[in-house]
């Protein structure tokens, strides 16, 4: 199920939100995330969430059991580049 990752609490807990839903859920993964996954997911912010594919299980003690299937890469816009203009010369 595609969801939006809002925040990475630690290498084992995630905060997510489904598209169009007002509910924010806390998920617990069965094992810690790998180093590259943590580096990618720590960029998540409520203003710039990351799309992830998770399978959500049962509720246990403050979080849903879940498995992370896939992380979809962020598409960041290219920076605006301006053309260089030739220097102005004095004409007489």
C-alpha atoms as a PDB file:
ATOM      1  CA  UNK A   1       0.000   0.000   0.000  1.00  0.00           C
ATOM      2  CA  UNK A   2       1.456   3.355  -1.010  1.00  0.00           C
ATOM      3  CA  UNK A   3       1.700   5.834   1.840  1.00  0.00           C
ATOM      4  CA  UNK A   4       3.585   9.005   2.717  1.00  0.00           C
ATOM      5  CA  UNK A   5       6.412   8.778   5.221  1.00  0.00           C
ATOM      6  CA  UNK A   6       6.261  11.882   7.400  1.00  0.00           C
ATOM      7  CA  UNK A   7       9.028  11.169   9.881  1.00  0.00           C
ATOM      8  CA  UNK A   8      11.610   8.560  10.805  1.00  0.00           C
ATOM      9  CA  UNK A   9      11.612   8.213  14.605  1.00  0.00           C
ATOM     10  CA  UNK A  10      14.490   5.731  14.834  1.00  0.00           C
ATOM     11  CA  UNK A  11      15.788   2.867  12.620  1.00  0.00           C
ATOM     12  CA  UNK A  12      12.770   0.764  13.564  1.00  0.00           C
ATOM     13  CA  UNK A  13       9.805   3.198  13.880  1.00  0.00           C
ATOM     14  CA  UNK A  14       8.132   5.262  11.149  1.00  0.00           C
ATOM     15  CA  UNK A  15       5.296   7.800  11.094  1.00  0.00           C
ATOM     16  CA  UNK A  16       3.117   7.533   7.970  1.00  0.00           C
ATOM     17  CA  UNK A  17      -0.089   8.932   6.495  1.00  0.00           C
ATOM     18  CA  UNK A  18      -2.269   7.533   3.722  1.00  0.00           C
ATOM     19  CA  UNK A  19      -3.218   9.777   0.813  1.00  0.00           C
ATOM     20  CA  UNK A  20      -6.388  11.722   1.638  1.00  0.00           C
ATOM     21  CA  UNK A  21      -6.614  10.402   5.213  1.00  0.00           C
ATOM     22  CA  UNK A  22      -6.313  12.633   8.306  1.00  0.00           C
ATOM     23  CA  UNK A  23      -4.920   9.722  10.393  1.00  0.00           C
ATOM     24  CA  UNK A  24      -1.191   9.544  11.168  1.00  0.00           C
ATOM     25  CA  UNK A  25       0.037   6.050  12.107  1.00  0.00           C
ATOM     26  CA  UNK A  26       3.127   4.847  13.926  1.00  0.00           C
ATOM     27  CA  UNK A  27       4.689   1.696  12.462  1.00  0.00           C
ATOM     28  CA  UNK A  28       7.185  -0.738  13.976  1.00  0.00           C
ATOM     29  CA  UNK A  29       9.426  -2.675  11.597  1.00  0.00           C
ATOM     30  CA  UNK A  30      10.533  -6.248  12.419  1.00  0.00           C
ATOM     31  CA  UNK A  31      14.223  -5.322  12.055  1.00  0.00           C
ATOM     32  CA  UNK A  32      16.290  -2.157  11.863  1.00  0.00           C
ATOM     33  CA  UNK A  33      16.615  -0.346   8.545  1.00  0.00           C
ATOM     34  CA  UNK A  34      19.906  -0.535   6.674  1.00  0.00           C
ATOM     35  CA  UNK A  35      22.297   2.421   6.536  1.00  0.00           C
ATOM     36  CA  UNK A  36      21.300   3.581   3.031  1.00  0.00           C
ATOM     37  CA  UNK A  37      17.596   3.289   3.890  1.00  0.00           C
ATOM     38  CA  UNK A  38      18.054   5.392   7.034  1.00  0.00           C
ATOM     39  CA  UNK A  39      20.000   8.061   5.127  1.00  0.00           C
ATOM     40  CA  UNK A  40      17.260   8.265   2.496  1.00  0.00           C
ATOM     41  CA  UNK A  41      14.311   8.227   4.903  1.00  0.00           C
ATOM     42  CA  UNK A  42      15.753  10.746   7.358  1.00  0.00           C
ATOM     43  CA  UNK A  43      15.130  13.396   4.669  1.00  0.00           C
ATOM     44  CA  UNK A  44      11.381  12.987   5.182  1.00  0.00           C
ATOM     45  CA  UNK A  45       9.542  15.982   6.544  1.00  0.00           C
ATOM     46  CA  UNK A  46       5.856  16.786   6.949  1.00  0.00           C
ATOM     47  CA  UNK A  47       6.293  19.439   4.235  1.00  0.00           C
ATOM     48  CA  UNK A  48       8.234  17.083   1.930  1.00  0.00           C
ATOM     49  CA  UNK A  49       7.134  13.487   2.641  1.00  0.00           C
ATOM     50  CA  UNK A  50       8.630  10.438   0.951  1.00  0.00           C
ATOM     51  CA  UNK A  51       6.394   7.896  -0.769  1.00  0.00           C
ATOM     52  CA  UNK A  52       6.884   4.362   0.577  1.00  0.00           C
ATOM     53  CA  UNK A  53       5.224   1.001   0.011  1.00  0.00           C
ATOM     54  CA  UNK A  54       4.406  -0.739   3.313  1.00  0.00           C
ATOM     55  CA  UNK A  55       2.410  -3.742   4.440  1.00  0.00           C
ATOM     56  CA  UNK A  56       0.604  -2.922   7.700  1.00  0.00           C
ATOM     57  CA  UNK A  57      -0.197  -5.659  10.196  1.00  0.00           C
ATOM     58  CA  UNK A  58      -1.756  -5.805  13.667  1.00  0.00           C
ATOM     59  CA  UNK A  59      -1.639  -3.210  16.466  1.00  0.00           C
ATOM     60  CA  UNK A  60       0.794  -4.108  19.274  1.00  0.00           C
ATOM     61  CA  UNK A  61       1.680  -1.809  22.166  1.00  0.00           C
ATOM     62  CA  UNK A  62       1.691   1.643  20.607  1.00  0.00           C
ATOM     63  CA  UNK A  63       2.446   0.863  16.958  1.00  0.00           C
ATOM     64  CA  UNK A  64       1.321  -1.241  14.017  1.00  0.00           C
ATOM     65  CA  UNK A  65       3.578  -4.092  12.941  1.00  0.00           C
ATOM     66  CA  UNK A  66       4.700  -3.400   9.380  1.00  0.00           C
ATOM     67  CA  UNK A  67       7.161  -4.387   6.697  1.00  0.00           C
ATOM     68  CA  UNK A  68       8.732  -1.874   4.346  1.00  0.00           C
ATOM     69  CA  UNK A  69       8.488  -3.146   0.783  1.00  0.00           C
ATOM     70  CA  UNK A  70       9.841  -0.263  -1.291  1.00  0.00           C
ATOM     71  CA  UNK A  71      11.034   3.324  -1.010  1.00  0.00           C
ATOM     72  CA  UNK A  72      10.157   5.545  -3.943  1.00  0.00           C
ATOM     73  CA  UNK A  73      12.848   8.092  -4.745  1.00  0.00           C
ATOM     74  CA  UNK A  74      12.175  11.764  -4.368  1.00  0.00           C
ATOM     75  CA  UNK A  75      12.031  13.740  -7.557  1.00  0.00           C
ATOM     76  CA  UNK A  76      13.541  17.095  -6.821  1.00  0.00           C
ATOM     77  CA  UNK A  77      13.271  19.854  -9.387  1.00  0.00           C
ATOM     78  CA  UNK A  78      16.456  20.949 -11.118  1.00  0.00           C
ATOM     79  CA  UNK A  79      17.788  24.282  -9.960  1.00  0.00           C
ATOM     80  CA  UNK A  80      16.993  27.225 -12.201  1.00  0.00           C
ATOM     81  CA  UNK A  81      19.914  28.096 -14.414  1.00  0.00           C
ATOM     82  CA  UNK A  82      20.309  31.458 -16.023  1.00  0.00           C
ATOM     83  CA  UNK A  83      22.070  32.052 -19.304  1.00  0.00           C
ATOM     84  CA  UNK A  84      25.224  34.058 -19.059  1.00  0.00           C
ATOM     85  CA  UNK A  85      25.085  37.333 -20.837  1.00  0.00           C
ATOM     86  CA  UNK A  86      27.963  38.858 -22.673  1.00  0.00           C
ATOM     87  CA  UNK A  87      29.472  41.814 -20.825  1.00  0.00           C
ATOM     88  CA  UNK A  88      28.174  45.220 -21.811  1.00  0.00           C
ATOM     89  CA  UNK A  89      30.570  47.385 -23.795  1.00  0.00           C
ATOM     90  CA  UNK A  90      30.608  51.113 -24.253  1.00  0.00           C
ATOM     91  CA  UNK A  91      29.829  52.146 -27.786  1.00  0.00           C
ATOM     92  CA  UNK A  92      30.536  55.616 -28.881  1.00  0.00           C
END
